[in-house]
């Protein structure tokens, strides 16, 4: 009888309401399984607005009643106004996110189409490459070789540099690709565990755990805010710290500290400086020569613990068949 009485009361409220009536209940509702009816209310007011997509007129939203014997009461106008504003902000963020994702997808498609136009072929003027297994690398140093294997690790440094750790069941080999070799369709879409055939000359790495410092990277493969070398504007005052078997574990550079130079960097990269006003103002109202660096903790642990793959030291690794923690 109680349910029948409740249904009758709700029907009366629906008839009296000018717009659609949606029920919510913090106590009994569910945003996942509710449908907005009196019997199956939503849990949050925000979900009620999502269902109607903020269309005008706004729905009549019912919430838990405060008076004894009243299960529902109409949401106060002030509360509705507040939640509507929050919903509008959430909707705008969602639309901006979708727009950015669409732009990224469009740009990626464009890049892939451009990559398809790039073709490479073996230079016949070079010595013929000898096919070897990775375990034979030491005996073939300073010789041109051909190696088949799987991409064990992959890291891209801008558009013109790519580091690959190759494995073939007999060992691991670090390979460096540059310029057009990184820009073909096959290189752009390359992923770990892909099968590849690489040509090149094997060079010896320093013995032991000796670090390698790569300095003064070209401007076009580094971030726009990196300071350019005074004697050569095509280079940046930058440095990467590489460890054998892992690759880069630290990257750093001097930063631009002059206002006009930073604006030039924005323009060169096609970046709207408006959202970065706080960063620009630091140069506008006074700055000084400064730099910074970042340490890849998990890469550092990979080298320190002598592991073959970074996922061995990740707290929440992702790999084929496991995308979520």
C-alpha atoms as a PDB file:
ATOM      1  CA  UNK A   1       0.000   0.000   0.000  1.00  0.00           C
ATOM      2  CA  UNK A   2       2.882   2.344   0.809  1.00  0.00           C
ATOM      3  CA  UNK A   3       4.361   1.935  -2.704  1.00  0.00           C
ATOM      4  CA  UNK A   4       0.944   2.526  -4.294  1.00  0.00           C
ATOM      5  CA  UNK A   5       0.496   5.707  -2.263  1.00  0.00           C
ATOM      6  CA  UNK A   6       3.992   6.894  -3.243  1.00  0.00           C
ATOM      7  CA  UNK A   7       3.307   6.273  -6.945  1.00  0.00           C
ATOM      8  CA  UNK A   8       0.063   8.254  -6.728  1.00  0.00           C
ATOM      9  CA  UNK A   9       1.820  11.175  -5.031  1.00  0.00           C
ATOM     10  CA  UNK A  10       4.568  11.161  -7.666  1.00  0.00           C
ATOM     11  CA  UNK A  11       2.045  11.127 -10.520  1.00  0.00           C
ATOM     12  CA  UNK A  12       0.371  14.215  -9.009  1.00  0.00           C
ATOM     13  CA  UNK A  13       3.734  15.987  -8.817  1.00  0.00           C
ATOM     14  CA  UNK A  14       4.472  15.080 -12.459  1.00  0.00           C
ATOM     15  CA  UNK A  15       1.172  16.521 -13.596  1.00  0.00           C
ATOM     16  CA  UNK A  16       1.755  19.766 -11.709  1.00  0.00           C
ATOM     17  CA  UNK A  17       5.316  20.193 -13.012  1.00  0.00           C
ATOM     18  CA  UNK A  18       5.780  22.348 -16.127  1.00  0.00           C
ATOM     19  CA  UNK A  19       8.793  20.380 -17.361  1.00  0.00           C
ATOM     20  CA  UNK A  20      10.183  16.867 -17.024  1.00  0.00           C
ATOM     21  CA  UNK A  21      10.602  15.631 -13.469  1.00  0.00           C
ATOM     22  CA  UNK A  22      13.749  13.736 -12.552  1.00  0.00           C
ATOM     23  CA  UNK A  23      14.287  12.150  -9.166  1.00  0.00           C
ATOM     24  CA  UNK A  24      17.574  11.939  -7.291  1.00  0.00           C
ATOM     25  CA  UNK A  25      18.451  10.448  -3.944  1.00  0.00           C
ATOM     26  CA  UNK A  26      21.787  10.513  -2.133  1.00  0.00           C
ATOM     27  CA  UNK A  27      20.503   7.721   0.114  1.00  0.00           C
ATOM     28  CA  UNK A  28      18.952   5.274  -2.353  1.00  0.00           C
ATOM     29  CA  UNK A  29      19.904   6.434  -5.854  1.00  0.00           C
ATOM     30  CA  UNK A  30      22.471   5.174  -8.371  1.00  0.00           C
ATOM     31  CA  UNK A  31      23.987   7.023 -11.311  1.00  0.00           C
ATOM     32  CA  UNK A  32      24.860   3.692 -12.932  1.00  0.00           C
ATOM     33  CA  UNK A  33      21.579   1.747 -12.677  1.00  0.00           C
ATOM     34  CA  UNK A  34      19.041   4.532 -12.003  1.00  0.00           C
ATOM     35  CA  UNK A  35      16.715   5.915 -14.669  1.00  0.00           C
ATOM     36  CA  UNK A  36      15.533   9.100 -12.940  1.00  0.00           C
ATOM     37  CA  UNK A  37      12.149   7.729 -11.901  1.00  0.00           C
ATOM     38  CA  UNK A  38      10.801   7.846  -8.362  1.00  0.00           C
ATOM     39  CA  UNK A  39      11.390   4.121  -7.983  1.00  0.00           C
ATOM     40  CA  UNK A  40      14.901   4.173  -9.506  1.00  0.00           C
ATOM     41  CA  UNK A  41      16.340   7.650  -8.834  1.00  0.00           C
ATOM     42  CA  UNK A  42      19.765   8.902  -9.789  1.00  0.00           C
ATOM     43  CA  UNK A  43      22.229   9.473  -6.990  1.00  0.00           C
ATOM     44  CA  UNK A  44      23.502  12.903  -8.050  1.00  0.00           C
ATOM     45  CA  UNK A  45      21.914  16.067  -9.400  1.00  0.00           C
ATOM     46  CA  UNK A  46      24.746  16.300 -11.909  1.00  0.00           C
ATOM     47  CA  UNK A  47      23.652  13.011 -13.484  1.00  0.00           C
ATOM     48  CA  UNK A  48      20.123  14.382 -13.910  1.00  0.00           C
ATOM     49  CA  UNK A  49      21.561  17.314 -15.870  1.00  0.00           C
ATOM     50  CA  UNK A  50      23.759  15.027 -17.935  1.00  0.00           C
ATOM     51  CA  UNK A  51      20.728  12.970 -18.986  1.00  0.00           C
ATOM     52  CA  UNK A  52      18.884  16.073 -20.195  1.00  0.00           C
ATOM     53  CA  UNK A  53      22.131  17.496 -21.609  1.00  0.00           C
ATOM     54  CA  UNK A  54      21.385  20.845 -19.986  1.00  0.00           C
ATOM     55  CA  UNK A  55      18.520  21.560 -22.393  1.00  0.00           C
ATOM     56  CA  UNK A  56      16.043  24.339 -21.681  1.00  0.00           C
ATOM     57  CA  UNK A  57      13.740  24.394 -19.864  1.00  0.00           C
ATOM     58  CA  UNK A  58      15.698  22.804 -17.061  1.00  0.00           C
ATOM     59  CA  UNK A  59      14.058  19.717 -15.564  1.00  0.00           C
ATOM     60  CA  UNK A  60      12.227  19.741 -12.293  1.00  0.00           C
ATOM     61  CA  UNK A  61      14.708  17.917 -10.080  1.00  0.00           C
ATOM     62  CA  UNK A  62      13.535  16.197  -6.924  1.00  0.00           C
ATOM     63  CA  UNK A  63      15.900  15.427  -4.040  1.00  0.00           C
ATOM     64  CA  UNK A  64      15.616  13.663  -0.684  1.00  0.00           C
ATOM     65  CA  UNK A  65      12.871  15.260   1.417  1.00  0.00           C
ATOM     66  CA  UNK A  66      13.823  16.843   4.750  1.00  0.00           C
ATOM     67  CA  UNK A  67      10.344  16.886   6.342  1.00  0.00           C
ATOM     68  CA  UNK A  68       9.006  13.811   8.088  1.00  0.00           C
ATOM     69  CA  UNK A  69       6.974  11.568   5.823  1.00  0.00           C
ATOM     70  CA  UNK A  70       8.184  13.236   2.614  1.00  0.00           C
ATOM     71  CA  UNK A  71      10.438  11.109   0.462  1.00  0.00           C
ATOM     72  CA  UNK A  72      11.152  13.827  -2.104  1.00  0.00           C
ATOM     73  CA  UNK A  73      11.097  17.584  -2.328  1.00  0.00           C
ATOM     74  CA  UNK A  74      11.857  20.014  -5.119  1.00  0.00           C
ATOM     75  CA  UNK A  75      15.461  21.152  -5.465  1.00  0.00           C
ATOM     76  CA  UNK A  76      15.998  24.736  -4.323  1.00  0.00           C
ATOM     77  CA  UNK A  77      16.571  27.257  -7.138  1.00  0.00           C
ATOM     78  CA  UNK A  78      19.878  28.427  -5.671  1.00  0.00           C
ATOM     79  CA  UNK A  79      21.179  24.847  -5.553  1.00  0.00           C
ATOM     80  CA  UNK A  80      19.943  24.178  -9.090  1.00  0.00           C
ATOM     81  CA  UNK A  81      21.705  27.317 -10.333  1.00  0.00           C
ATOM     82  CA  UNK A  82      24.940  26.262  -8.651  1.00  0.00           C
ATOM     83  CA  UNK A  83      24.874  22.718 -10.039  1.00  0.00           C
ATOM     84  CA  UNK A  84      23.878  23.979 -13.493  1.00  0.00           C
ATOM     85  CA  UNK A  85      26.952  26.204 -13.510  1.00  0.00           C
ATOM     86  CA  UNK A  86      29.172  23.261 -12.528  1.00  0.00           C
ATOM     87  CA  UNK A  87      27.570  21.156 -15.237  1.00  0.00           C
ATOM     88  CA  UNK A  88      28.233  23.875 -17.831  1.00  0.00           C
ATOM     89  CA  UNK A  89      31.900  23.942 -16.793  1.00  0.00           C
ATOM     90  CA  UNK A  90      32.128  20.153 -16.976  1.00  0.00           C
ATOM     91  CA  UNK A  91      30.473  20.139 -20.402  1.00  0.00           C
ATOM     92  CA  UNK A  92      32.846  22.800 -21.733  1.00  0.00           C
ATOM     93  CA  UNK A  93      35.882  20.871 -20.486  1.00  0.00           C
ATOM     94  CA  UNK A  94      34.543  17.719 -22.112  1.00  0.00           C
ATOM     95  CA  UNK A  95      33.937  19.520 -25.408  1.00  0.00           C
ATOM     96  CA  UNK A  96      37.415  21.099 -25.306  1.00  0.00           C
ATOM     97  CA  UNK A  97      38.955  17.698 -24.584  1.00  0.00           C
ATOM     98  CA  UNK A  98      37.060  16.081 -27.460  1.00  0.00           C
ATOM     99  CA  UNK A  99      38.071  18.938 -29.754  1.00  0.00           C
ATOM    100  CA  UNK A 100      41.734  18.535 -28.847  1.00  0.00           C
ATOM    101  CA  UNK A 101      41.553  14.780 -29.309  1.00  0.00           C
ATOM    102  CA  UNK A 102      39.927  15.263 -32.717  1.00  0.00           C
ATOM    103  CA  UNK A 103      42.633  17.767 -33.707  1.00  0.00           C
ATOM    104  CA  UNK A 104      45.343  15.379 -32.557  1.00  0.00           C
ATOM    105  CA  UNK A 105      43.765  12.519 -34.496  1.00  0.00           C
ATOM    106  CA  UNK A 106      43.493  14.732 -37.577  1.00  0.00           C
ATOM    107  CA  UNK A 107      47.111  15.835 -37.232  1.00  0.00           C
ATOM    108  CA  UNK A 108      48.241  12.247 -36.769  1.00  0.00           C
ATOM    109  CA  UNK A 109      46.387  11.199 -39.937  1.00  0.00           C
ATOM    110  CA  UNK A 110      48.055  14.061 -41.767  1.00  0.00           C
ATOM    111  CA  UNK A 111      51.467  13.037 -40.432  1.00  0.00           C
ATOM    112  CA  UNK A 112      50.870   9.434 -41.488  1.00  0.00           C
ATOM    113  CA  UNK A 113      49.928  10.536 -44.993  1.00  0.00           C
ATOM    114  CA  UNK A 114      53.100  12.634 -45.177  1.00  0.00           C
ATOM    115  CA  UNK A 115      55.131   9.692 -43.861  1.00  0.00           C
ATOM    116  CA  UNK A 116      53.796   7.441 -46.627  1.00  0.00           C
ATOM    117  CA  UNK A 117      55.415   9.756 -49.175  1.00  0.00           C
ATOM    118  CA  UNK A 118      58.870   9.185 -47.683  1.00  0.00           C
ATOM    119  CA  UNK A 119      60.711   6.232 -49.170  1.00  0.00           C
ATOM    120  CA  UNK A 120      64.179   4.902 -48.451  1.00  0.00           C
ATOM    121  CA  UNK A 121      66.320   2.368 -50.248  1.00  0.00           C
ATOM    122  CA  UNK A 122      69.617   0.726 -49.583  1.00  0.00           C
ATOM    123  CA  UNK A 123      72.659   2.722 -50.654  1.00  0.00           C
ATOM    124  CA  UNK A 124      74.393   0.491 -53.191  1.00  0.00           C
ATOM    125  CA  UNK A 125      77.654   2.398 -52.770  1.00  0.00           C
ATOM    126  CA  UNK A 126      78.036   1.022 -49.217  1.00  0.00           C
ATOM    127  CA  UNK A 127      79.679  -2.344 -48.488  1.00  0.00           C
ATOM    128  CA  UNK A 128      77.305  -5.299 -48.638  1.00  0.00           C
ATOM    129  CA  UNK A 129      75.726  -5.969 -45.245  1.00  0.00           C
ATOM    130  CA  UNK A 130      76.463  -9.307 -43.588  1.00  0.00           C
ATOM    131  CA  UNK A 131      73.551 -10.986 -41.832  1.00  0.00           C
ATOM    132  CA  UNK A 132      74.427 -11.799 -38.216  1.00  0.00           C
ATOM    133  CA  UNK A 133      72.801 -12.700 -34.930  1.00  0.00           C
ATOM    134  CA  UNK A 134      73.128 -10.275 -32.044  1.00  0.00           C
ATOM    135  CA  UNK A 135      75.402 -12.714 -30.199  1.00  0.00           C
ATOM    136  CA  UNK A 136      77.905 -12.210 -33.052  1.00  0.00           C
ATOM    137  CA  UNK A 137      77.985  -8.424 -32.644  1.00  0.00           C
ATOM    138  CA  UNK A 138      81.349  -8.213 -30.867  1.00  0.00           C
ATOM    139  CA  UNK A 139      83.089 -10.112 -33.645  1.00  0.00           C
ATOM    140  CA  UNK A 140      81.565  -7.772 -36.246  1.00  0.00           C
ATOM    141  CA  UNK A 141      82.331  -4.374 -34.763  1.00  0.00           C
ATOM    142  CA  UNK A 142      82.956  -1.570 -37.265  1.00  0.00           C
ATOM    143  CA  UNK A 143      81.424  -3.707 -40.028  1.00  0.00           C
ATOM    144  CA  UNK A 144      78.184  -3.159 -41.917  1.00  0.00           C
ATOM    145  CA  UNK A 145      75.674  -5.781 -40.825  1.00  0.00           C
ATOM    146  CA  UNK A 146      72.033  -6.814 -41.171  1.00  0.00           C
ATOM    147  CA  UNK A 147      70.136  -7.931 -38.052  1.00  0.00           C
ATOM    148  CA  UNK A 148      66.629  -9.372 -37.703  1.00  0.00           C
ATOM    149  CA  UNK A 149      64.768  -9.195 -34.411  1.00  0.00           C
ATOM    150  CA  UNK A 150      61.927  -7.822 -32.308  1.00  0.00           C
ATOM    151  CA  UNK A 151      61.635  -4.279 -30.933  1.00  0.00           C
ATOM    152  CA  UNK A 152      62.210  -4.762 -27.207  1.00  0.00           C
ATOM    153  CA  UNK A 153      62.242  -1.085 -26.255  1.00  0.00           C
ATOM    154  CA  UNK A 154      61.510   2.024 -28.282  1.00  0.00           C
ATOM    155  CA  UNK A 155      62.043   5.713 -27.561  1.00  0.00           C
ATOM    156  CA  UNK A 156      61.634   8.650 -29.915  1.00  0.00           C
ATOM    157  CA  UNK A 157      63.560  11.897 -29.491  1.00  0.00           C
ATOM    158  CA  UNK A 158      61.697  14.461 -31.572  1.00  0.00           C
ATOM    159  CA  UNK A 159      61.202  13.768 -35.284  1.00  0.00           C
ATOM    160  CA  UNK A 160      64.792  13.002 -36.204  1.00  0.00           C
ATOM    161  CA  UNK A 161      66.078  10.576 -33.603  1.00  0.00           C
ATOM    162  CA  UNK A 162      64.913   7.157 -32.428  1.00  0.00           C
ATOM    163  CA  UNK A 163      66.463   4.622 -30.054  1.00  0.00           C
ATOM    164  CA  UNK A 164      65.600   0.934 -30.425  1.00  0.00           C
ATOM    165  CA  UNK A 165      66.669  -1.971 -28.233  1.00  0.00           C
ATOM    166  CA  UNK A 166      66.531  -5.009 -30.513  1.00  0.00           C
ATOM    167  CA  UNK A 167      66.392  -8.642 -29.366  1.00  0.00           C
ATOM    168  CA  UNK A 168      66.603 -11.850 -31.357  1.00  0.00           C
ATOM    169  CA  UNK A 169      66.651 -14.643 -28.774  1.00  0.00           C
ATOM    170  CA  UNK A 170      70.446 -14.495 -28.560  1.00  0.00           C
ATOM    171  CA  UNK A 171      70.919 -11.086 -27.026  1.00  0.00           C
ATOM    172  CA  UNK A 172      70.077  -7.386 -27.073  1.00  0.00           C
ATOM    173  CA  UNK A 173      71.403  -4.615 -29.318  1.00  0.00           C
ATOM    174  CA  UNK A 174      70.893  -0.865 -28.971  1.00  0.00           C
ATOM    175  CA  UNK A 175      70.257   0.826 -32.322  1.00  0.00           C
ATOM    176  CA  UNK A 176      70.089   4.518 -33.195  1.00  0.00           C
ATOM    177  CA  UNK A 177      68.066   5.777 -36.183  1.00  0.00           C
ATOM    178  CA  UNK A 178      68.186   9.357 -37.410  1.00  0.00           C
ATOM    179  CA  UNK A 179      66.677  11.752 -39.952  1.00  0.00           C
ATOM    180  CA  UNK A 180      64.584  10.092 -42.712  1.00  0.00           C
ATOM    181  CA  UNK A 181      64.933   6.678 -41.109  1.00  0.00           C
ATOM    182  CA  UNK A 182      62.672   7.998 -38.311  1.00  0.00           C
ATOM    183  CA  UNK A 183      60.141   9.645 -40.613  1.00  0.00           C
ATOM    184  CA  UNK A 184      58.900   6.824 -42.846  1.00  0.00           C
ATOM    185  CA  UNK A 185      55.434   5.356 -42.334  1.00  0.00           C
ATOM    186  CA  UNK A 186      56.972   2.152 -40.967  1.00  0.00           C
ATOM    187  CA  UNK A 187      59.068   4.120 -38.449  1.00  0.00           C
ATOM    188  CA  UNK A 188      56.209   6.374 -37.333  1.00  0.00           C
ATOM    189  CA  UNK A 189      53.904   3.401 -36.692  1.00  0.00           C
ATOM    190  CA  UNK A 190      56.603   1.175 -35.200  1.00  0.00           C
ATOM    191  CA  UNK A 191      55.737  -0.331 -31.805  1.00  0.00           C
ATOM    192  CA  UNK A 192      57.333  -2.721 -29.314  1.00  0.00           C
ATOM    193  CA  UNK A 193      57.299  -6.414 -30.240  1.00  0.00           C
ATOM    194  CA  UNK A 194      57.258  -5.546 -33.955  1.00  0.00           C
ATOM    195  CA  UNK A 195      59.566  -7.611 -36.199  1.00  0.00           C
ATOM    196  CA  UNK A 196      62.189  -5.551 -38.026  1.00  0.00           C
ATOM    197  CA  UNK A 197      65.331  -5.868 -40.101  1.00  0.00           C
ATOM    198  CA  UNK A 198      67.979  -3.214 -39.423  1.00  0.00           C
ATOM    199  CA  UNK A 199      71.092  -2.316 -41.396  1.00  0.00           C
ATOM    200  CA  UNK A 200      74.041  -0.454 -39.917  1.00  0.00           C
ATOM    201  CA  UNK A 201      77.540  -0.417 -38.494  1.00  0.00           C
ATOM    202  CA  UNK A 202      78.144  -1.842 -35.020  1.00  0.00           C
ATOM    203  CA  UNK A 203      80.089   0.424 -32.679  1.00  0.00           C
ATOM    204  CA  UNK A 204      81.493  -0.484 -29.266  1.00  0.00           C
ATOM    205  CA  UNK A 205      80.100   1.167 -26.125  1.00  0.00           C
ATOM    206  CA  UNK A 206      82.351   2.190 -23.231  1.00  0.00           C
ATOM    207  CA  UNK A 207      83.137  -0.567 -20.763  1.00  0.00           C
ATOM    208  CA  UNK A 208      81.177  -0.912 -17.548  1.00  0.00           C
ATOM    209  CA  UNK A 209      78.579   1.592 -16.351  1.00  0.00           C
ATOM    210  CA  UNK A 210      80.232   4.665 -17.825  1.00  0.00           C
ATOM    211  CA  UNK A 211      77.646   7.346 -18.631  1.00  0.00           C
ATOM    212  CA  UNK A 212      77.464   9.060 -22.020  1.00  0.00           C
ATOM    213  CA  UNK A 213      76.624  12.758 -22.260  1.00  0.00           C
ATOM    214  CA  UNK A 214      75.047  13.882 -25.541  1.00  0.00           C
ATOM    215  CA  UNK A 215      75.186  17.668 -25.822  1.00  0.00           C
ATOM    216  CA  UNK A 216      73.943  20.502 -28.036  1.00  0.00           C
ATOM    217  CA  UNK A 217      70.944  18.928 -29.765  1.00  0.00           C
ATOM    218  CA  UNK A 218      69.565  20.546 -32.962  1.00  0.00           C
ATOM    219  CA  UNK A 219      66.881  23.186 -32.372  1.00  0.00           C
ATOM    220  CA  UNK A 220      64.260  21.476 -34.540  1.00  0.00           C
ATOM    221  CA  UNK A 221      64.100  18.336 -32.365  1.00  0.00           C
ATOM    222  CA  UNK A 222      64.000  20.073 -28.993  1.00  0.00           C
ATOM    223  CA  UNK A 223      61.417  22.129 -27.105  1.00  0.00           C
ATOM    224  CA  UNK A 224      60.972  25.738 -28.199  1.00  0.00           C
ATOM    225  CA  UNK A 225      61.928  27.145 -24.776  1.00  0.00           C
ATOM    226  CA  UNK A 226      65.459  25.705 -24.814  1.00  0.00           C
ATOM    227  CA  UNK A 227      68.164  28.351 -25.100  1.00  0.00           C
ATOM    228  CA  UNK A 228      70.012  28.475 -28.406  1.00  0.00           C
ATOM    229  CA  UNK A 229      73.787  28.426 -28.551  1.00  0.00           C
ATOM    230  CA  UNK A 230      75.047  31.987 -29.176  1.00  0.00           C
ATOM    231  CA  UNK A 231      77.645  30.771 -31.699  1.00  0.00           C
ATOM    232  CA  UNK A 232      75.184  28.511 -33.600  1.00  0.00           C
ATOM    233  CA  UNK A 233      71.432  29.225 -33.473  1.00  0.00           C
ATOM    234  CA  UNK A 234      70.773  25.823 -35.032  1.00  0.00           C
ATOM    235  CA  UNK A 235      71.831  24.131 -31.781  1.00  0.00           C
ATOM    236  CA  UNK A 236      70.511  24.264 -28.214  1.00  0.00           C
ATOM    237  CA  UNK A 237      72.388  24.345 -24.923  1.00  0.00           C
ATOM    238  CA  UNK A 238      71.007  20.936 -23.977  1.00  0.00           C
ATOM    239  CA  UNK A 239      72.275  17.622 -22.685  1.00  0.00           C
ATOM    240  CA  UNK A 240      71.020  14.041 -22.267  1.00  0.00           C
ATOM    241  CA  UNK A 241      72.609  11.497 -19.944  1.00  0.00           C
ATOM    242  CA  UNK A 242      72.596   8.007 -21.492  1.00  0.00           C
ATOM    243  CA  UNK A 243      73.376   4.731 -19.775  1.00  0.00           C
ATOM    244  CA  UNK A 244      74.389   1.603 -21.737  1.00  0.00           C
ATOM    245  CA  UNK A 245      71.509  -0.814 -22.133  1.00  0.00           C
ATOM    246  CA  UNK A 246      68.881   1.729 -21.076  1.00  0.00           C
ATOM    247  CA  UNK A 247      69.350   4.975 -22.966  1.00  0.00           C
ATOM    248  CA  UNK A 248      68.417   8.405 -21.661  1.00  0.00           C
ATOM    249  CA  UNK A 249      67.800   8.690 -17.919  1.00  0.00           C
ATOM    250  CA  UNK A 250      68.295  12.460 -17.553  1.00  0.00           C
ATOM    251  CA  UNK A 251      67.441  15.285 -19.931  1.00  0.00           C
ATOM    252  CA  UNK A 252      68.176  18.952 -19.325  1.00  0.00           C
ATOM    253  CA  UNK A 253      68.949  22.306 -20.868  1.00  0.00           C
ATOM    254  CA  UNK A 254      69.357  25.993 -20.337  1.00  0.00           C
ATOM    255  CA  UNK A 255      66.043  27.857 -20.743  1.00  0.00           C
ATOM    256  CA  UNK A 256      65.224  31.009 -22.672  1.00  0.00           C
ATOM    257  CA  UNK A 257      65.201  33.963 -20.300  1.00  0.00           C
ATOM    258  CA  UNK A 258      64.743  36.858 -22.739  1.00  0.00           C
ATOM    259  CA  UNK A 259      61.188  38.042 -23.460  1.00  0.00           C
ATOM    260  CA  UNK A 260      61.492  38.660 -27.220  1.00  0.00           C
ATOM    261  CA  UNK A 261      63.261  35.355 -27.805  1.00  0.00           C
ATOM    262  CA  UNK A 262      60.484  33.444 -26.020  1.00  0.00           C
ATOM    263  CA  UNK A 263      57.802  35.166 -28.146  1.00  0.00           C
ATOM    264  CA  UNK A 264      59.821  34.170 -31.197  1.00  0.00           C
ATOM    265  CA  UNK A 265      59.748  30.568 -29.985  1.00  0.00           C
ATOM    266  CA  UNK A 266      55.953  30.630 -29.627  1.00  0.00           C
ATOM    267  CA  UNK A 267      55.599  31.992 -33.151  1.00  0.00           C
ATOM    268  CA  UNK A 268      58.036  29.505 -34.662  1.00  0.00           C
ATOM    269  CA  UNK A 269      56.157  26.526 -33.201  1.00  0.00           C
ATOM    270  CA  UNK A 270      52.685  27.946 -33.917  1.00  0.00           C
ATOM    271  CA  UNK A 271      51.783  28.067 -30.210  1.00  0.00           C
ATOM    272  CA  UNK A 272      49.177  30.466 -28.838  1.00  0.00           C
ATOM    273  CA  UNK A 273      50.984  32.266 -25.981  1.00  0.00           C
ATOM    274  CA  UNK A 274      47.749  33.310 -24.225  1.00  0.00           C
ATOM    275  CA  UNK A 275      47.466  30.285 -21.872  1.00  0.00           C
ATOM    276  CA  UNK A 276      51.147  30.660 -20.976  1.00  0.00           C
ATOM    277  CA  UNK A 277      50.933  34.294 -19.833  1.00  0.00           C
ATOM    278  CA  UNK A 278      52.330  33.353 -16.423  1.00  0.00           C
ATOM    279  CA  UNK A 279      55.392  31.803 -18.078  1.00  0.00           C
ATOM    280  CA  UNK A 280      55.873  34.749 -20.426  1.00  0.00           C
ATOM    281  CA  UNK A 281      55.455  37.298 -17.604  1.00  0.00           C
ATOM    282  CA  UNK A 282      58.449  35.802 -15.802  1.00  0.00           C
ATOM    283  CA  UNK A 283      60.577  36.982 -18.732  1.00  0.00           C
ATOM    284  CA  UNK A 284      58.646  40.217 -19.228  1.00  0.00           C
ATOM    285  CA  UNK A 285      59.162  41.429 -15.653  1.00  0.00           C
ATOM    286  CA  UNK A 286      62.656  40.141 -15.155  1.00  0.00           C
ATOM    287  CA  UNK A 287      64.519  36.848 -15.339  1.00  0.00           C
ATOM    288  CA  UNK A 288      68.069  35.553 -15.298  1.00  0.00           C
ATOM    289  CA  UNK A 289      70.043  32.776 -17.003  1.00  0.00           C
ATOM    290  CA  UNK A 290      68.754  29.451 -15.668  1.00  0.00           C
ATOM    291  CA  UNK A 291      68.330  25.803 -16.617  1.00  0.00           C
ATOM    292  CA  UNK A 292      66.628  22.635 -15.527  1.00  0.00           C
ATOM    293  CA  UNK A 293      66.594  18.864 -15.916  1.00  0.00           C
ATOM    294  CA  UNK A 294      64.346  15.867 -15.412  1.00  0.00           C
ATOM    295  CA  UNK A 295      65.287  12.426 -14.083  1.00  0.00           C
ATOM    296  CA  UNK A 296      63.431   9.351 -15.326  1.00  0.00           C
ATOM    297  CA  UNK A 297      63.240   7.428 -12.056  1.00  0.00           C
ATOM    298  CA  UNK A 298      62.057   4.142 -13.576  1.00  0.00           C
ATOM    299  CA  UNK A 299      64.706   4.316 -16.314  1.00  0.00           C
ATOM    300  CA  UNK A 300      67.323   4.968 -13.629  1.00  0.00           C
ATOM    301  CA  UNK A 301      66.106   1.906 -11.700  1.00  0.00           C
ATOM    302  CA  UNK A 302      66.231  -0.160 -14.899  1.00  0.00           C
ATOM    303  CA  UNK A 303      69.930   0.656 -15.231  1.00  0.00           C
ATOM    304  CA  UNK A 304      70.695   0.404 -11.511  1.00  0.00           C
ATOM    305  CA  UNK A 305      69.070  -3.054 -11.197  1.00  0.00           C
ATOM    306  CA  UNK A 306      70.399  -4.216 -14.576  1.00  0.00           C
ATOM    307  CA  UNK A 307      66.925  -5.104 -15.884  1.00  0.00           C
ATOM    308  CA  UNK A 308      66.200  -5.735 -19.556  1.00  0.00           C
ATOM    309  CA  UNK A 309      62.851  -3.912 -19.636  1.00  0.00           C
ATOM    310  CA  UNK A 310      61.456  -0.870 -17.852  1.00  0.00           C
ATOM    311  CA  UNK A 311      58.205  -2.693 -17.032  1.00  0.00           C
ATOM    312  CA  UNK A 312      60.210  -4.817 -14.572  1.00  0.00           C
ATOM    313  CA  UNK A 313      60.602  -1.763 -12.317  1.00  0.00           C
ATOM    314  CA  UNK A 314      57.250  -0.020 -12.974  1.00  0.00           C
ATOM    315  CA  UNK A 315      54.824   0.039 -10.069  1.00  0.00           C
ATOM    316  CA  UNK A 316      51.908  -0.300 -12.505  1.00  0.00           C
ATOM    317  CA  UNK A 317      53.317  -1.657 -15.802  1.00  0.00           C
ATOM    318  CA  UNK A 318      51.253  -1.826 -18.990  1.00  0.00           C
ATOM    319  CA  UNK A 319      51.841  -4.364 -21.746  1.00  0.00           C
ATOM    320  CA  UNK A 320      49.926  -6.575 -24.176  1.00  0.00           C
ATOM    321  CA  UNK A 321      46.888  -7.937 -22.364  1.00  0.00           C
ATOM    322  CA  UNK A 322      47.284  -5.594 -19.380  1.00  0.00           C
ATOM    323  CA  UNK A 323      46.401  -1.929 -19.901  1.00  0.00           C
ATOM    324  CA  UNK A 324      45.098  -1.080 -16.444  1.00  0.00           C
ATOM    325  CA  UNK A 325      46.622  -1.374 -12.942  1.00  0.00           C
END
